[in-house]
């Protein structure tokens, strides 16, 4: 089934000018780019986007990082998009990242891991609505 999902290219990857390289990987894996935009998270949006992590020890560090610079957001579409993108992105833990994944190539730490990918269809819908509020693609 064709699905939509969200990919965020995080501030460390944009700062190091990896936007094009990451998009090339996405396109080589035959994801269709439905929408794309560049923006900087403000505190309110970062708090809302990551609200499931409020109270966790890493929450403040994550919000500070995500508001520190440019983010590029993409709505991607493909059959089984959520699962396939999560596999392509890889895990957050640098010690267990699989070679060839985006986070293996461009991630620096658990937090500065280059990209975010929605982890479920429901989260993709919620996240897309937050980042692209005028878009009703899902």
C-alpha atoms as a PDB file:
ATOM      1  CA  UNK A   1       0.000   0.000   0.000  1.00  0.00           C
ATOM      2  CA  UNK A   2       1.292   3.461  -0.905  1.00  0.00           C
ATOM      3  CA  UNK A   3       2.042   5.489   2.217  1.00  0.00           C
ATOM      4  CA  UNK A   4       3.374   8.886   3.064  1.00  0.00           C
ATOM      5  CA  UNK A   5       6.042   9.472   5.676  1.00  0.00           C
ATOM      6  CA  UNK A   6       8.144  12.340   6.939  1.00  0.00           C
ATOM      7  CA  UNK A   7      11.901  12.725   6.736  1.00  0.00           C
ATOM      8  CA  UNK A   8      13.691  15.546   8.536  1.00  0.00           C
ATOM      9  CA  UNK A   9      17.257  16.382   7.623  1.00  0.00           C
ATOM     10  CA  UNK A  10      18.499  17.704  10.950  1.00  0.00           C
ATOM     11  CA  UNK A  11      20.671  20.756  11.707  1.00  0.00           C
ATOM     12  CA  UNK A  12      23.994  18.868  11.872  1.00  0.00           C
ATOM     13  CA  UNK A  13      23.460  17.398   8.395  1.00  0.00           C
ATOM     14  CA  UNK A  14      22.332  20.733   6.928  1.00  0.00           C
ATOM     15  CA  UNK A  15      25.271  22.544   8.557  1.00  0.00           C
ATOM     16  CA  UNK A  16      27.705  20.062   6.984  1.00  0.00           C
ATOM     17  CA  UNK A  17      25.983  20.457   3.588  1.00  0.00           C
ATOM     18  CA  UNK A  18      24.704  16.885   3.296  1.00  0.00           C
ATOM     19  CA  UNK A  19      21.192  17.810   2.128  1.00  0.00           C
ATOM     20  CA  UNK A  20      21.754  16.885  -1.509  1.00  0.00           C
ATOM     21  CA  UNK A  21      23.579  13.667  -0.669  1.00  0.00           C
ATOM     22  CA  UNK A  22      20.760  12.520   1.621  1.00  0.00           C
ATOM     23  CA  UNK A  23      18.108  13.400  -0.964  1.00  0.00           C
ATOM     24  CA  UNK A  24      20.085  11.462  -3.576  1.00  0.00           C
ATOM     25  CA  UNK A  25      20.007   8.373  -1.338  1.00  0.00           C
ATOM     26  CA  UNK A  26      16.249   8.795  -0.905  1.00  0.00           C
ATOM     27  CA  UNK A  27      15.719   9.107  -4.653  1.00  0.00           C
ATOM     28  CA  UNK A  28      17.962   6.123  -5.434  1.00  0.00           C
ATOM     29  CA  UNK A  29      15.656   4.084  -3.172  1.00  0.00           C
ATOM     30  CA  UNK A  30      12.704   5.221  -5.323  1.00  0.00           C
ATOM     31  CA  UNK A  31      10.879   7.371  -2.786  1.00  0.00           C
ATOM     32  CA  UNK A  32       8.759  10.075  -4.402  1.00  0.00           C
ATOM     33  CA  UNK A  33       9.200  13.535  -2.927  1.00  0.00           C
ATOM     34  CA  UNK A  34       5.724  15.011  -2.471  1.00  0.00           C
ATOM     35  CA  UNK A  35       6.692  18.214  -0.630  1.00  0.00           C
ATOM     36  CA  UNK A  36       9.941  19.739   0.604  1.00  0.00           C
ATOM     37  CA  UNK A  37      10.712  22.778   2.698  1.00  0.00           C
ATOM     38  CA  UNK A  38      13.519  24.326   4.679  1.00  0.00           C
ATOM     39  CA  UNK A  39      12.840  25.941   8.057  1.00  0.00           C
ATOM     40  CA  UNK A  40      14.153  26.382  11.586  1.00  0.00           C
ATOM     41  CA  UNK A  41      12.223  24.848  14.475  1.00  0.00           C
ATOM     42  CA  UNK A  42      11.086  27.340  17.087  1.00  0.00           C
ATOM     43  CA  UNK A  43      10.734  26.166  20.694  1.00  0.00           C
ATOM     44  CA  UNK A  44       6.960  25.769  20.502  1.00  0.00           C
ATOM     45  CA  UNK A  45       7.086  23.549  17.408  1.00  0.00           C
ATOM     46  CA  UNK A  46      10.004  21.492  18.735  1.00  0.00           C
ATOM     47  CA  UNK A  47       8.176  20.944  22.049  1.00  0.00           C
ATOM     48  CA  UNK A  48       5.028  19.864  20.198  1.00  0.00           C
ATOM     49  CA  UNK A  49       6.883  17.666  17.702  1.00  0.00           C
ATOM     50  CA  UNK A  50       8.803  15.811  20.421  1.00  0.00           C
ATOM     51  CA  UNK A  51       6.115  15.943  23.148  1.00  0.00           C
ATOM     52  CA  UNK A  52       6.173  12.148  23.609  1.00  0.00           C
ATOM     53  CA  UNK A  53       9.697  12.582  25.009  1.00  0.00           C
ATOM     54  CA  UNK A  54       8.850  15.272  27.585  1.00  0.00           C
ATOM     55  CA  UNK A  55      10.308  14.238  30.935  1.00  0.00           C
ATOM     56  CA  UNK A  56      13.007  12.021  29.442  1.00  0.00           C
ATOM     57  CA  UNK A  57      16.613  12.903  30.262  1.00  0.00           C
ATOM     58  CA  UNK A  58      17.462  13.739  26.642  1.00  0.00           C
ATOM     59  CA  UNK A  59      14.417  15.924  25.882  1.00  0.00           C
ATOM     60  CA  UNK A  60      15.997  19.328  26.561  1.00  0.00           C
ATOM     61  CA  UNK A  61      19.179  18.413  24.667  1.00  0.00           C
ATOM     62  CA  UNK A  62      17.084  17.255  21.704  1.00  0.00           C
ATOM     63  CA  UNK A  63      14.998  20.441  21.604  1.00  0.00           C
ATOM     64  CA  UNK A  64      18.113  22.630  21.887  1.00  0.00           C
ATOM     65  CA  UNK A  65      19.713  20.744  19.005  1.00  0.00           C
ATOM     66  CA  UNK A  66      16.628  20.831  16.790  1.00  0.00           C
ATOM     67  CA  UNK A  67      16.232  24.609  17.271  1.00  0.00           C
ATOM     68  CA  UNK A  68      19.936  25.270  16.607  1.00  0.00           C
ATOM     69  CA  UNK A  69      19.774  25.573  12.828  1.00  0.00           C
ATOM     70  CA  UNK A  70      18.149  24.745   9.524  1.00  0.00           C
ATOM     71  CA  UNK A  71      16.056  21.622   9.052  1.00  0.00           C
ATOM     72  CA  UNK A  72      14.859  20.303   5.701  1.00  0.00           C
ATOM     73  CA  UNK A  73      11.546  18.438   5.779  1.00  0.00           C
ATOM     74  CA  UNK A  74      10.340  16.079   3.064  1.00  0.00           C
ATOM     75  CA  UNK A  75       7.040  14.299   2.649  1.00  0.00           C
ATOM     76  CA  UNK A  76       7.949  11.036   0.954  1.00  0.00           C
ATOM     77  CA  UNK A  77       5.665   8.540  -0.714  1.00  0.00           C
ATOM     78  CA  UNK A  78       6.154   4.928  -1.660  1.00  0.00           C
ATOM     79  CA  UNK A  79       4.625   1.545  -1.030  1.00  0.00           C
ATOM     80  CA  UNK A  80       5.435   0.610   2.588  1.00  0.00           C
ATOM     81  CA  UNK A  81       7.177   3.997   2.959  1.00  0.00           C
ATOM     82  CA  UNK A  82       7.325   4.136   6.762  1.00  0.00           C
ATOM     83  CA  UNK A  83       9.060   0.788   7.239  1.00  0.00           C
ATOM     84  CA  UNK A  84      11.366   1.149   4.234  1.00  0.00           C
ATOM     85  CA  UNK A  85      12.491   4.645   5.218  1.00  0.00           C
ATOM     86  CA  UNK A  86      13.128   3.586   8.822  1.00  0.00           C
ATOM     87  CA  UNK A  87      15.299   0.755   7.513  1.00  0.00           C
ATOM     88  CA  UNK A  88      17.198   3.121   5.195  1.00  0.00           C
ATOM     89  CA  UNK A  89      17.706   5.692   7.963  1.00  0.00           C
ATOM     90  CA  UNK A  90      18.970   3.171  10.513  1.00  0.00           C
ATOM     91  CA  UNK A  91      19.120   3.243  14.298  1.00  0.00           C
ATOM     92  CA  UNK A  92      20.062   6.172  16.535  1.00  0.00           C
ATOM     93  CA  UNK A  93      22.763   4.348  18.521  1.00  0.00           C
ATOM     94  CA  UNK A  94      26.141   4.843  16.771  1.00  0.00           C
ATOM     95  CA  UNK A  95      27.471   1.563  18.199  1.00  0.00           C
ATOM     96  CA  UNK A  96      24.826  -0.512  16.408  1.00  0.00           C
ATOM     97  CA  UNK A  97      24.327   1.415  13.158  1.00  0.00           C
ATOM     98  CA  UNK A  98      24.334  -0.746  10.064  1.00  0.00           C
ATOM     99  CA  UNK A  99      26.813   0.301   7.346  1.00  0.00           C
ATOM    100  CA  UNK A 100      25.120   1.977   4.410  1.00  0.00           C
ATOM    101  CA  UNK A 101      22.319   3.576   6.422  1.00  0.00           C
ATOM    102  CA  UNK A 102      21.953   7.355   6.394  1.00  0.00           C
ATOM    103  CA  UNK A 103      22.735   7.605  10.102  1.00  0.00           C
ATOM    104  CA  UNK A 104      25.817   5.403   9.692  1.00  0.00           C
ATOM    105  CA  UNK A 105      27.104   7.706   6.956  1.00  0.00           C
ATOM    106  CA  UNK A 106      26.088  11.114   8.369  1.00  0.00           C
ATOM    107  CA  UNK A 107      25.185  10.658  12.042  1.00  0.00           C
ATOM    108  CA  UNK A 108      27.568  11.930  14.691  1.00  0.00           C
ATOM    109  CA  UNK A 109      25.974  11.004  18.031  1.00  0.00           C
ATOM    110  CA  UNK A 110      22.688   9.616  19.334  1.00  0.00           C
ATOM    111  CA  UNK A 111      21.138  13.109  19.191  1.00  0.00           C
ATOM    112  CA  UNK A 112      23.089  14.533  16.247  1.00  0.00           C
ATOM    113  CA  UNK A 113      22.041  11.607  14.060  1.00  0.00           C
ATOM    114  CA  UNK A 114      21.446  13.529  10.794  1.00  0.00           C
ATOM    115  CA  UNK A 115      17.804  12.586  10.147  1.00  0.00           C
ATOM    116  CA  UNK A 116      14.420  11.808  11.633  1.00  0.00           C
ATOM    117  CA  UNK A 117      11.952   9.370  10.067  1.00  0.00           C
ATOM    118  CA  UNK A 118       8.402   8.757  11.250  1.00  0.00           C
ATOM    119  CA  UNK A 119       8.088   5.437  13.063  1.00  0.00           C
ATOM    120  CA  UNK A 120       4.456   4.635  12.225  1.00  0.00           C
ATOM    121  CA  UNK A 121       1.709   5.678   9.829  1.00  0.00           C
ATOM    122  CA  UNK A 122      -0.102   7.476  12.660  1.00  0.00           C
ATOM    123  CA  UNK A 123       3.048   9.357  13.669  1.00  0.00           C
ATOM    124  CA  UNK A 124       3.711  10.219  10.030  1.00  0.00           C
ATOM    125  CA  UNK A 125       0.257  11.780   9.710  1.00  0.00           C
ATOM    126  CA  UNK A 126       0.705  13.746  12.948  1.00  0.00           C
ATOM    127  CA  UNK A 127       4.222  14.906  12.085  1.00  0.00           C
ATOM    128  CA  UNK A 128       3.336  15.901   8.524  1.00  0.00           C
ATOM    129  CA  UNK A 129       0.403  17.947   9.837  1.00  0.00           C
ATOM    130  CA  UNK A 130       2.741  19.738  12.282  1.00  0.00           C
ATOM    131  CA  UNK A 131       5.463  20.511   9.740  1.00  0.00           C
ATOM    132  CA  UNK A 132       3.218  21.117   6.719  1.00  0.00           C
ATOM    133  CA  UNK A 133       0.080  22.522   8.407  1.00  0.00           C
ATOM    134  CA  UNK A 134      -1.542  23.701   5.174  1.00  0.00           C
ATOM    135  CA  UNK A 135      -1.023  20.355   3.435  1.00  0.00           C
ATOM    136  CA  UNK A 136      -3.668  17.642   3.629  1.00  0.00           C
ATOM    137  CA  UNK A 137      -1.719  15.040   1.631  1.00  0.00           C
ATOM    138  CA  UNK A 138      -2.182  12.182   4.089  1.00  0.00           C
END
